[in-house]
């Protein structure tokens, strides 16, 4: 089991350092992801202009790339930013939103995955498609498969892309191809608010930005978000109030709460 104190220490590092996280992220997720990063103690920038990609990557602690609302200029910016991250040794996380829905989206996601992301985070369908499962499709950006169905694909993708892969669902699965974790935090209401998967990737960026190793960084980010989801669900009347309470919970979460409630376990 990953000791809950390790999750709390990562949160403390974020609060102490307020790392800049550069997010090339879709229009739907910009607001909630930026506010989640601010609430947890990080500093977000949501920039996608080609001419400032290298400059922002240079000053950021980490980069996240999210393909939710693709366009050719944004793809070019993603390629420049990820190239800069590789040259400068900056960690970066890929969120292959809806990969498999269209040939264009799949081509872009696979090109980015070939650029050595530090972490890839997706739902089960996205990870299966990215790993080469031609029989899997996505329902828009929603998963049609369960996390357990994607474990073998996640391990294979991690080995092939030489990165950490996080598969998110009711119980998340994180692997670097050798070590693995499950994260059993969260609440069903989280599936009723758009962009919380994207927000998870942004939080992974914050954990990477303070130097947490890739697989623990992904697991810690998912545990922090999941615990806050559990807290937010208490008394929430529906998705609208839940979303508001989630941001509040990310602001209020502390190490002692994480030590008591984070459920991060070693896995096969």
C-alpha atoms as a PDB file:
ATOM      1  CA  UNK A   1       0.000   0.000   0.000  1.00  0.00           C
ATOM      2  CA  UNK A   2       1.168   3.525  -0.825  1.00  0.00           C
ATOM      3  CA  UNK A   3       1.281   5.205   2.577  1.00  0.00           C
ATOM      4  CA  UNK A   4      -1.348   7.966   2.886  1.00  0.00           C
ATOM      5  CA  UNK A   5       1.354  10.239   4.285  1.00  0.00           C
ATOM      6  CA  UNK A   6       2.965  10.260   0.831  1.00  0.00           C
ATOM      7  CA  UNK A   7      -0.235  11.718  -0.648  1.00  0.00           C
ATOM      8  CA  UNK A   8      -0.298  14.340   2.108  1.00  0.00           C
ATOM      9  CA  UNK A   9       3.359  15.208   1.459  1.00  0.00           C
ATOM     10  CA  UNK A  10       2.659  15.809  -2.228  1.00  0.00           C
ATOM     11  CA  UNK A  11      -0.190  18.143  -1.283  1.00  0.00           C
ATOM     12  CA  UNK A  12       2.120  19.967   1.140  1.00  0.00           C
ATOM     13  CA  UNK A  13       4.692  20.419  -1.623  1.00  0.00           C
ATOM     14  CA  UNK A  14       2.055  21.895  -3.940  1.00  0.00           C
ATOM     15  CA  UNK A  15       0.857  24.276  -1.233  1.00  0.00           C
ATOM     16  CA  UNK A  16       4.410  25.274  -0.361  1.00  0.00           C
ATOM     17  CA  UNK A  17       5.708  25.826  -3.880  1.00  0.00           C
ATOM     18  CA  UNK A  18       2.613  26.911  -5.857  1.00  0.00           C
ATOM     19  CA  UNK A  19       4.014  25.418  -9.080  1.00  0.00           C
ATOM     20  CA  UNK A  20       3.069  26.871 -12.446  1.00  0.00           C
ATOM     21  CA  UNK A  21       1.225  24.281 -14.543  1.00  0.00           C
ATOM     22  CA  UNK A  22       0.846  25.032 -18.247  1.00  0.00           C
ATOM     23  CA  UNK A  23      -2.336  23.475 -19.626  1.00  0.00           C
ATOM     24  CA  UNK A  24      -3.217  23.202 -23.301  1.00  0.00           C
ATOM     25  CA  UNK A  25      -6.743  22.149 -22.485  1.00  0.00           C
ATOM     26  CA  UNK A  26     -10.142  22.103 -24.112  1.00  0.00           C
ATOM     27  CA  UNK A  27     -12.678  24.929 -23.873  1.00  0.00           C
ATOM     28  CA  UNK A  28     -15.102  22.814 -21.821  1.00  0.00           C
ATOM     29  CA  UNK A  29     -12.541  22.110 -19.094  1.00  0.00           C
ATOM     30  CA  UNK A  30     -10.645  25.396 -18.830  1.00  0.00           C
ATOM     31  CA  UNK A  31     -12.719  26.932 -16.051  1.00  0.00           C
ATOM     32  CA  UNK A  32     -13.052  23.968 -13.714  1.00  0.00           C
ATOM     33  CA  UNK A  33      -9.448  22.798 -14.209  1.00  0.00           C
ATOM     34  CA  UNK A  34      -8.005  26.268 -13.618  1.00  0.00           C
ATOM     35  CA  UNK A  35     -10.086  26.756 -10.495  1.00  0.00           C
ATOM     36  CA  UNK A  36      -9.201  23.286  -9.222  1.00  0.00           C
ATOM     37  CA  UNK A  37      -5.488  24.015  -9.621  1.00  0.00           C
ATOM     38  CA  UNK A  38      -5.848  27.332  -7.824  1.00  0.00           C
ATOM     39  CA  UNK A  39      -7.894  25.751  -5.057  1.00  0.00           C
ATOM     40  CA  UNK A  40      -5.360  23.001  -4.412  1.00  0.00           C
ATOM     41  CA  UNK A  41      -2.515  25.518  -4.293  1.00  0.00           C
ATOM     42  CA  UNK A  42      -0.990  25.451  -7.778  1.00  0.00           C
ATOM     43  CA  UNK A  43      -0.793  28.256 -10.340  1.00  0.00           C
ATOM     44  CA  UNK A  44      -2.505  27.515 -13.681  1.00  0.00           C
ATOM     45  CA  UNK A  45      -1.937  28.991 -17.107  1.00  0.00           C
ATOM     46  CA  UNK A  46      -4.307  28.054 -19.935  1.00  0.00           C
ATOM     47  CA  UNK A  47      -2.330  29.129 -23.010  1.00  0.00           C
ATOM     48  CA  UNK A  48      -2.439  27.689 -26.512  1.00  0.00           C
ATOM     49  CA  UNK A  49      -1.042  30.421 -28.808  1.00  0.00           C
ATOM     50  CA  UNK A  50       1.732  28.945 -30.912  1.00  0.00           C
ATOM     51  CA  UNK A  51       4.084  31.893 -30.461  1.00  0.00           C
ATOM     52  CA  UNK A  52       4.244  31.550 -26.675  1.00  0.00           C
ATOM     53  CA  UNK A  53       4.409  27.777 -26.310  1.00  0.00           C
ATOM     54  CA  UNK A  54       8.152  27.468 -25.762  1.00  0.00           C
ATOM     55  CA  UNK A  55       8.209  30.430 -23.386  1.00  0.00           C
ATOM     56  CA  UNK A  56       5.478  29.028 -21.156  1.00  0.00           C
ATOM     57  CA  UNK A  57       6.944  25.522 -21.132  1.00  0.00           C
ATOM     58  CA  UNK A  58      10.280  27.031 -20.113  1.00  0.00           C
ATOM     59  CA  UNK A  59       8.862  28.712 -17.002  1.00  0.00           C
ATOM     60  CA  UNK A  60       6.307  26.042 -16.032  1.00  0.00           C
ATOM     61  CA  UNK A  61       6.926  23.181 -13.654  1.00  0.00           C
ATOM     62  CA  UNK A  62       4.884  20.841 -15.831  1.00  0.00           C
ATOM     63  CA  UNK A  63       2.792  20.761 -19.009  1.00  0.00           C
ATOM     64  CA  UNK A  64      -0.541  19.059 -19.623  1.00  0.00           C
ATOM     65  CA  UNK A  65      -1.931  18.443 -23.112  1.00  0.00           C
ATOM     66  CA  UNK A  66      -5.643  17.729 -23.549  1.00  0.00           C
ATOM     67  CA  UNK A  67      -7.124  17.000 -26.994  1.00  0.00           C
ATOM     68  CA  UNK A  68     -10.780  17.551 -26.102  1.00  0.00           C
ATOM     69  CA  UNK A  69     -11.495  20.380 -28.569  1.00  0.00           C
ATOM     70  CA  UNK A  70      -9.034  19.860 -31.406  1.00  0.00           C
ATOM     71  CA  UNK A  71      -8.178  22.210 -34.234  1.00  0.00           C
ATOM     72  CA  UNK A  72      -5.127  22.279 -36.505  1.00  0.00           C
ATOM     73  CA  UNK A  73      -3.606  25.414 -34.855  1.00  0.00           C
ATOM     74  CA  UNK A  74      -4.001  23.833 -31.414  1.00  0.00           C
ATOM     75  CA  UNK A  75      -2.406  20.594 -32.632  1.00  0.00           C
ATOM     76  CA  UNK A  76       0.573  22.560 -33.921  1.00  0.00           C
ATOM     77  CA  UNK A  77       0.867  24.287 -30.552  1.00  0.00           C
ATOM     78  CA  UNK A  78       0.730  20.895 -28.798  1.00  0.00           C
ATOM     79  CA  UNK A  79       3.547  19.577 -30.971  1.00  0.00           C
ATOM     80  CA  UNK A  80       5.716  22.618 -30.287  1.00  0.00           C
ATOM     81  CA  UNK A  81       4.998  22.514 -26.555  1.00  0.00           C
ATOM     82  CA  UNK A  82       5.720  18.799 -26.193  1.00  0.00           C
ATOM     83  CA  UNK A  83       8.924  19.155 -28.208  1.00  0.00           C
ATOM     84  CA  UNK A  84       9.997  21.945 -25.875  1.00  0.00           C
ATOM     85  CA  UNK A  85       9.136  19.838 -22.834  1.00  0.00           C
ATOM     86  CA  UNK A  86      11.331  17.066 -24.161  1.00  0.00           C
ATOM     87  CA  UNK A  87      14.228  19.435 -24.863  1.00  0.00           C
ATOM     88  CA  UNK A  88      13.949  21.155 -21.478  1.00  0.00           C
ATOM     89  CA  UNK A  89      13.329  18.031 -19.438  1.00  0.00           C
ATOM     90  CA  UNK A  90       9.910  19.179 -18.226  1.00  0.00           C
ATOM     91  CA  UNK A  91       7.371  16.527 -17.197  1.00  0.00           C
ATOM     92  CA  UNK A  92       4.135  16.474 -19.149  1.00  0.00           C
ATOM     93  CA  UNK A  93       0.837  14.638 -19.063  1.00  0.00           C
ATOM     94  CA  UNK A  94      -1.333  13.657 -22.038  1.00  0.00           C
ATOM     95  CA  UNK A  95      -5.128  13.427 -21.864  1.00  0.00           C
ATOM     96  CA  UNK A  96      -6.287  11.669 -25.079  1.00  0.00           C
ATOM     97  CA  UNK A  97      -9.921  12.787 -24.776  1.00  0.00           C
ATOM     98  CA  UNK A  98     -12.237  10.817 -27.051  1.00  0.00           C
ATOM     99  CA  UNK A  99      -9.463   8.984 -28.883  1.00  0.00           C
ATOM    100  CA  UNK A 100     -11.127   6.462 -31.174  1.00  0.00           C
ATOM    101  CA  UNK A 101     -14.130   8.669 -31.891  1.00  0.00           C
ATOM    102  CA  UNK A 102     -12.690   9.914 -35.212  1.00  0.00           C
ATOM    103  CA  UNK A 103      -9.627   9.030 -37.309  1.00  0.00           C
ATOM    104  CA  UNK A 104      -8.246  12.573 -36.910  1.00  0.00           C
ATOM    105  CA  UNK A 105      -8.484  12.458 -33.112  1.00  0.00           C
ATOM    106  CA  UNK A 106      -6.865   9.031 -33.024  1.00  0.00           C
ATOM    107  CA  UNK A 107      -4.008  10.112 -35.281  1.00  0.00           C
ATOM    108  CA  UNK A 108      -3.281  13.180 -33.145  1.00  0.00           C
ATOM    109  CA  UNK A 109      -3.444  11.226 -29.886  1.00  0.00           C
ATOM    110  CA  UNK A 110      -1.081   8.555 -31.154  1.00  0.00           C
ATOM    111  CA  UNK A 111       1.385  11.128 -32.461  1.00  0.00           C
ATOM    112  CA  UNK A 112       1.438  12.819 -29.067  1.00  0.00           C
ATOM    113  CA  UNK A 113       1.733   9.497 -27.218  1.00  0.00           C
ATOM    114  CA  UNK A 114       4.818   8.725 -29.300  1.00  0.00           C
ATOM    115  CA  UNK A 115       6.511  11.856 -27.929  1.00  0.00           C
ATOM    116  CA  UNK A 116       7.312  10.344 -24.535  1.00  0.00           C
ATOM    117  CA  UNK A 117       4.712  11.872 -22.206  1.00  0.00           C
ATOM    118  CA  UNK A 118       5.513  11.414 -18.541  1.00  0.00           C
ATOM    119  CA  UNK A 119       1.947  10.325 -17.795  1.00  0.00           C
ATOM    120  CA  UNK A 120      -1.020   9.385 -19.986  1.00  0.00           C
ATOM    121  CA  UNK A 121      -4.396   9.609 -18.242  1.00  0.00           C
ATOM    122  CA  UNK A 122      -7.612   8.407 -19.812  1.00  0.00           C
ATOM    123  CA  UNK A 123     -10.727   6.365 -19.283  1.00  0.00           C
ATOM    124  CA  UNK A 124     -10.666   2.650 -20.085  1.00  0.00           C
ATOM    125  CA  UNK A 125     -11.872   3.021 -23.674  1.00  0.00           C
ATOM    126  CA  UNK A 126      -9.316   5.741 -24.411  1.00  0.00           C
ATOM    127  CA  UNK A 127      -6.437   3.676 -23.038  1.00  0.00           C
ATOM    128  CA  UNK A 128      -7.550   0.574 -24.928  1.00  0.00           C
ATOM    129  CA  UNK A 129      -7.743   2.497 -28.222  1.00  0.00           C
ATOM    130  CA  UNK A 130      -4.405   4.208 -27.630  1.00  0.00           C
ATOM    131  CA  UNK A 131      -2.846   0.830 -26.902  1.00  0.00           C
ATOM    132  CA  UNK A 132      -4.082  -0.436 -30.259  1.00  0.00           C
ATOM    133  CA  UNK A 133      -7.321  -2.271 -29.464  1.00  0.00           C
ATOM    134  CA  UNK A 134      -9.177  -1.887 -32.768  1.00  0.00           C
ATOM    135  CA  UNK A 135     -12.335  -3.461 -31.330  1.00  0.00           C
ATOM    136  CA  UNK A 136     -12.853  -0.681 -28.789  1.00  0.00           C
ATOM    137  CA  UNK A 137     -14.790   2.485 -29.535  1.00  0.00           C
ATOM    138  CA  UNK A 138     -15.718   5.504 -27.464  1.00  0.00           C
ATOM    139  CA  UNK A 139     -19.158   7.015 -27.001  1.00  0.00           C
ATOM    140  CA  UNK A 140     -18.130  10.592 -27.719  1.00  0.00           C
ATOM    141  CA  UNK A 141     -15.761  11.207 -24.810  1.00  0.00           C
ATOM    142  CA  UNK A 142     -17.332   8.603 -22.514  1.00  0.00           C
ATOM    143  CA  UNK A 143     -15.925   5.157 -21.793  1.00  0.00           C
ATOM    144  CA  UNK A 144     -17.726   2.035 -22.947  1.00  0.00           C
ATOM    145  CA  UNK A 145     -15.352  -0.273 -21.034  1.00  0.00           C
ATOM    146  CA  UNK A 146     -14.393  -0.864 -17.398  1.00  0.00           C
ATOM    147  CA  UNK A 147     -11.039  -0.145 -15.763  1.00  0.00           C
ATOM    148  CA  UNK A 148     -10.291  -3.826 -15.124  1.00  0.00           C
ATOM    149  CA  UNK A 149     -10.684  -4.511 -18.850  1.00  0.00           C
ATOM    150  CA  UNK A 150      -7.907  -2.005 -19.579  1.00  0.00           C
ATOM    151  CA  UNK A 151      -5.255  -3.194 -17.109  1.00  0.00           C
ATOM    152  CA  UNK A 152      -3.300  -5.300 -19.605  1.00  0.00           C
ATOM    153  CA  UNK A 153      -3.535  -2.557 -22.222  1.00  0.00           C
ATOM    154  CA  UNK A 154      -2.332   0.021 -19.688  1.00  0.00           C
ATOM    155  CA  UNK A 155       0.722  -2.060 -18.826  1.00  0.00           C
ATOM    156  CA  UNK A 156       1.497  -2.611 -22.510  1.00  0.00           C
ATOM    157  CA  UNK A 157       1.041   1.073 -23.341  1.00  0.00           C
ATOM    158  CA  UNK A 158       3.240   2.086 -20.416  1.00  0.00           C
ATOM    159  CA  UNK A 159       5.987  -0.237 -21.638  1.00  0.00           C
ATOM    160  CA  UNK A 160       5.707   0.823 -25.278  1.00  0.00           C
ATOM    161  CA  UNK A 161       5.447   4.564 -24.612  1.00  0.00           C
ATOM    162  CA  UNK A 162       7.891   4.367 -21.692  1.00  0.00           C
ATOM    163  CA  UNK A 163       5.618   6.327 -19.419  1.00  0.00           C
ATOM    164  CA  UNK A 164       3.097   5.999 -16.609  1.00  0.00           C
ATOM    165  CA  UNK A 165      -0.490   5.243 -17.614  1.00  0.00           C
ATOM    166  CA  UNK A 166      -3.473   6.110 -15.408  1.00  0.00           C
ATOM    167  CA  UNK A 167      -6.844   4.535 -16.193  1.00  0.00           C
ATOM    168  CA  UNK A 168      -9.637   6.320 -14.378  1.00  0.00           C
ATOM    169  CA  UNK A 169     -13.016   4.944 -13.384  1.00  0.00           C
ATOM    170  CA  UNK A 170     -14.775   3.682 -10.271  1.00  0.00           C
ATOM    171  CA  UNK A 171     -11.409   2.391  -9.035  1.00  0.00           C
ATOM    172  CA  UNK A 172      -8.451   3.952 -10.824  1.00  0.00           C
ATOM    173  CA  UNK A 173      -5.457   1.944 -12.021  1.00  0.00           C
ATOM    174  CA  UNK A 174      -1.982   3.483 -12.409  1.00  0.00           C
ATOM    175  CA  UNK A 175       1.035   1.661 -13.823  1.00  0.00           C
ATOM    176  CA  UNK A 176       4.470   2.420 -15.197  1.00  0.00           C
ATOM    177  CA  UNK A 177       4.683  -1.089 -16.629  1.00  0.00           C
ATOM    178  CA  UNK A 178       6.502  -2.400 -13.561  1.00  0.00           C
ATOM    179  CA  UNK A 179       4.848  -0.975 -10.451  1.00  0.00           C
ATOM    180  CA  UNK A 180       1.126  -0.295 -10.169  1.00  0.00           C
ATOM    181  CA  UNK A 181      -1.409   1.292  -7.843  1.00  0.00           C
ATOM    182  CA  UNK A 182      -5.156   1.327  -7.468  1.00  0.00           C
ATOM    183  CA  UNK A 183      -6.959   4.394  -6.143  1.00  0.00           C
ATOM    184  CA  UNK A 184     -10.339   3.677  -4.590  1.00  0.00           C
ATOM    185  CA  UNK A 185     -11.472   7.207  -3.817  1.00  0.00           C
ATOM    186  CA  UNK A 186     -14.269   9.131  -5.517  1.00  0.00           C
ATOM    187  CA  UNK A 187     -18.031   9.362  -5.768  1.00  0.00           C
ATOM    188  CA  UNK A 188     -20.573   8.531  -8.532  1.00  0.00           C
ATOM    189  CA  UNK A 189     -21.588  12.203  -8.691  1.00  0.00           C
ATOM    190  CA  UNK A 190     -18.220  12.887 -10.302  1.00  0.00           C
ATOM    191  CA  UNK A 191     -19.505  11.278 -13.506  1.00  0.00           C
ATOM    192  CA  UNK A 192     -22.313  13.873 -13.682  1.00  0.00           C
ATOM    193  CA  UNK A 193     -20.034  16.903 -13.950  1.00  0.00           C
ATOM    194  CA  UNK A 194     -18.194  17.473 -17.204  1.00  0.00           C
ATOM    195  CA  UNK A 195     -14.411  17.932 -17.325  1.00  0.00           C
ATOM    196  CA  UNK A 196     -13.498  16.233 -14.048  1.00  0.00           C
ATOM    197  CA  UNK A 197     -11.347  13.735 -15.943  1.00  0.00           C
ATOM    198  CA  UNK A 198      -9.596  16.671 -17.572  1.00  0.00           C
ATOM    199  CA  UNK A 199      -9.238  18.216 -14.126  1.00  0.00           C
ATOM    200  CA  UNK A 200      -7.615  15.015 -12.882  1.00  0.00           C
ATOM    201  CA  UNK A 201      -4.964  15.380 -15.586  1.00  0.00           C
ATOM    202  CA  UNK A 202      -4.356  19.004 -14.596  1.00  0.00           C
ATOM    203  CA  UNK A 203      -3.861  17.907 -10.984  1.00  0.00           C
ATOM    204  CA  UNK A 204      -1.433  15.229 -12.142  1.00  0.00           C
ATOM    205  CA  UNK A 205       0.494  18.080 -13.727  1.00  0.00           C
ATOM    206  CA  UNK A 206       0.640  19.854 -10.361  1.00  0.00           C
ATOM    207  CA  UNK A 207       1.966  16.721  -8.658  1.00  0.00           C
ATOM    208  CA  UNK A 208       4.588  16.232 -11.378  1.00  0.00           C
ATOM    209  CA  UNK A 209       5.596  19.880 -11.100  1.00  0.00           C
ATOM    210  CA  UNK A 210       6.734  19.459  -7.490  1.00  0.00           C
ATOM    211  CA  UNK A 211       8.959  16.511  -8.346  1.00  0.00           C
ATOM    212  CA  UNK A 212       6.801  13.560  -7.306  1.00  0.00           C
ATOM    213  CA  UNK A 213       7.768  10.493  -9.349  1.00  0.00           C
ATOM    214  CA  UNK A 214       5.361   9.825 -12.236  1.00  0.00           C
ATOM    215  CA  UNK A 215       3.390   6.806 -10.983  1.00  0.00           C
ATOM    216  CA  UNK A 216       2.961   8.175  -7.431  1.00  0.00           C
ATOM    217  CA  UNK A 217       2.184  11.628  -8.878  1.00  0.00           C
ATOM    218  CA  UNK A 218      -0.717  10.205 -10.873  1.00  0.00           C
ATOM    219  CA  UNK A 219      -1.969   8.132  -7.947  1.00  0.00           C
ATOM    220  CA  UNK A 220      -1.689  11.050  -5.503  1.00  0.00           C
ATOM    221  CA  UNK A 221      -3.545  13.435  -7.812  1.00  0.00           C
ATOM    222  CA  UNK A 222      -6.361  10.931  -8.289  1.00  0.00           C
ATOM    223  CA  UNK A 223      -6.554  10.304  -4.543  1.00  0.00           C
ATOM    224  CA  UNK A 224      -6.716  14.030  -3.762  1.00  0.00           C
ATOM    225  CA  UNK A 225      -9.464  14.587  -6.327  1.00  0.00           C
ATOM    226  CA  UNK A 226     -11.314  11.454  -5.241  1.00  0.00           C
ATOM    227  CA  UNK A 227     -11.266  12.332  -1.548  1.00  0.00           C
ATOM    228  CA  UNK A 228     -12.499  15.823  -2.395  1.00  0.00           C
ATOM    229  CA  UNK A 229     -15.260  14.271  -4.490  1.00  0.00           C
ATOM    230  CA  UNK A 230     -16.380  12.237  -1.493  1.00  0.00           C
ATOM    231  CA  UNK A 231     -16.402  15.358   0.679  1.00  0.00           C
ATOM    232  CA  UNK A 232     -18.229  17.416  -1.956  1.00  0.00           C
ATOM    233  CA  UNK A 233     -20.980  14.828  -2.309  1.00  0.00           C
ATOM    234  CA  UNK A 234     -22.016  15.264   1.305  1.00  0.00           C
ATOM    235  CA  UNK A 235     -25.024  17.525   1.162  1.00  0.00           C
ATOM    236  CA  UNK A 236     -24.758  18.270  -2.567  1.00  0.00           C
ATOM    237  CA  UNK A 237     -28.226  18.550  -4.095  1.00  0.00           C
ATOM    238  CA  UNK A 238     -27.064  17.719  -7.607  1.00  0.00           C
ATOM    239  CA  UNK A 239     -24.242  18.215 -10.111  1.00  0.00           C
ATOM    240  CA  UNK A 240     -24.308  22.027  -9.867  1.00  0.00           C
ATOM    241  CA  UNK A 241     -23.828  22.255  -6.131  1.00  0.00           C
ATOM    242  CA  UNK A 242     -21.436  19.295  -6.261  1.00  0.00           C
ATOM    243  CA  UNK A 243     -19.159  21.171  -8.682  1.00  0.00           C
ATOM    244  CA  UNK A 244     -19.072  24.187  -6.374  1.00  0.00           C
ATOM    245  CA  UNK A 245     -18.446  22.020  -3.314  1.00  0.00           C
ATOM    246  CA  UNK A 246     -15.633  20.172  -5.093  1.00  0.00           C
ATOM    247  CA  UNK A 247     -13.671  23.380  -5.628  1.00  0.00           C
ATOM    248  CA  UNK A 248     -14.245  24.279  -1.976  1.00  0.00           C
ATOM    249  CA  UNK A 249     -13.081  20.815  -0.903  1.00  0.00           C
ATOM    250  CA  UNK A 250      -9.870  21.142  -2.933  1.00  0.00           C
ATOM    251  CA  UNK A 251      -9.207  24.420  -1.139  1.00  0.00           C
ATOM    252  CA  UNK A 252      -9.972  23.017   2.304  1.00  0.00           C
ATOM    253  CA  UNK A 253      -8.380  19.552   2.043  1.00  0.00           C
ATOM    254  CA  UNK A 254      -5.502  18.980   4.433  1.00  0.00           C
ATOM    255  CA  UNK A 255      -2.888  16.360   5.076  1.00  0.00           C
ATOM    256  CA  UNK A 256      -4.624  14.843   8.087  1.00  0.00           C
ATOM    257  CA  UNK A 257      -7.782  14.227   6.065  1.00  0.00           C
ATOM    258  CA  UNK A 258      -5.772  12.561   3.308  1.00  0.00           C
ATOM    259  CA  UNK A 259      -3.928  10.384   5.811  1.00  0.00           C
ATOM    260  CA  UNK A 260      -7.267   9.139   7.112  1.00  0.00           C
ATOM    261  CA  UNK A 261      -9.140   8.708   3.848  1.00  0.00           C
ATOM    262  CA  UNK A 262      -6.808   8.262   0.833  1.00  0.00           C
ATOM    263  CA  UNK A 263      -7.091   4.688  -0.441  1.00  0.00           C
ATOM    264  CA  UNK A 264      -4.041   4.101  -2.620  1.00  0.00           C
ATOM    265  CA  UNK A 265      -2.907   0.466  -2.777  1.00  0.00           C
ATOM    266  CA  UNK A 266      -0.145  -1.378  -4.581  1.00  0.00           C
ATOM    267  CA  UNK A 267      -1.451  -3.592  -7.360  1.00  0.00           C
ATOM    268  CA  UNK A 268      -0.329  -6.151  -9.906  1.00  0.00           C
END
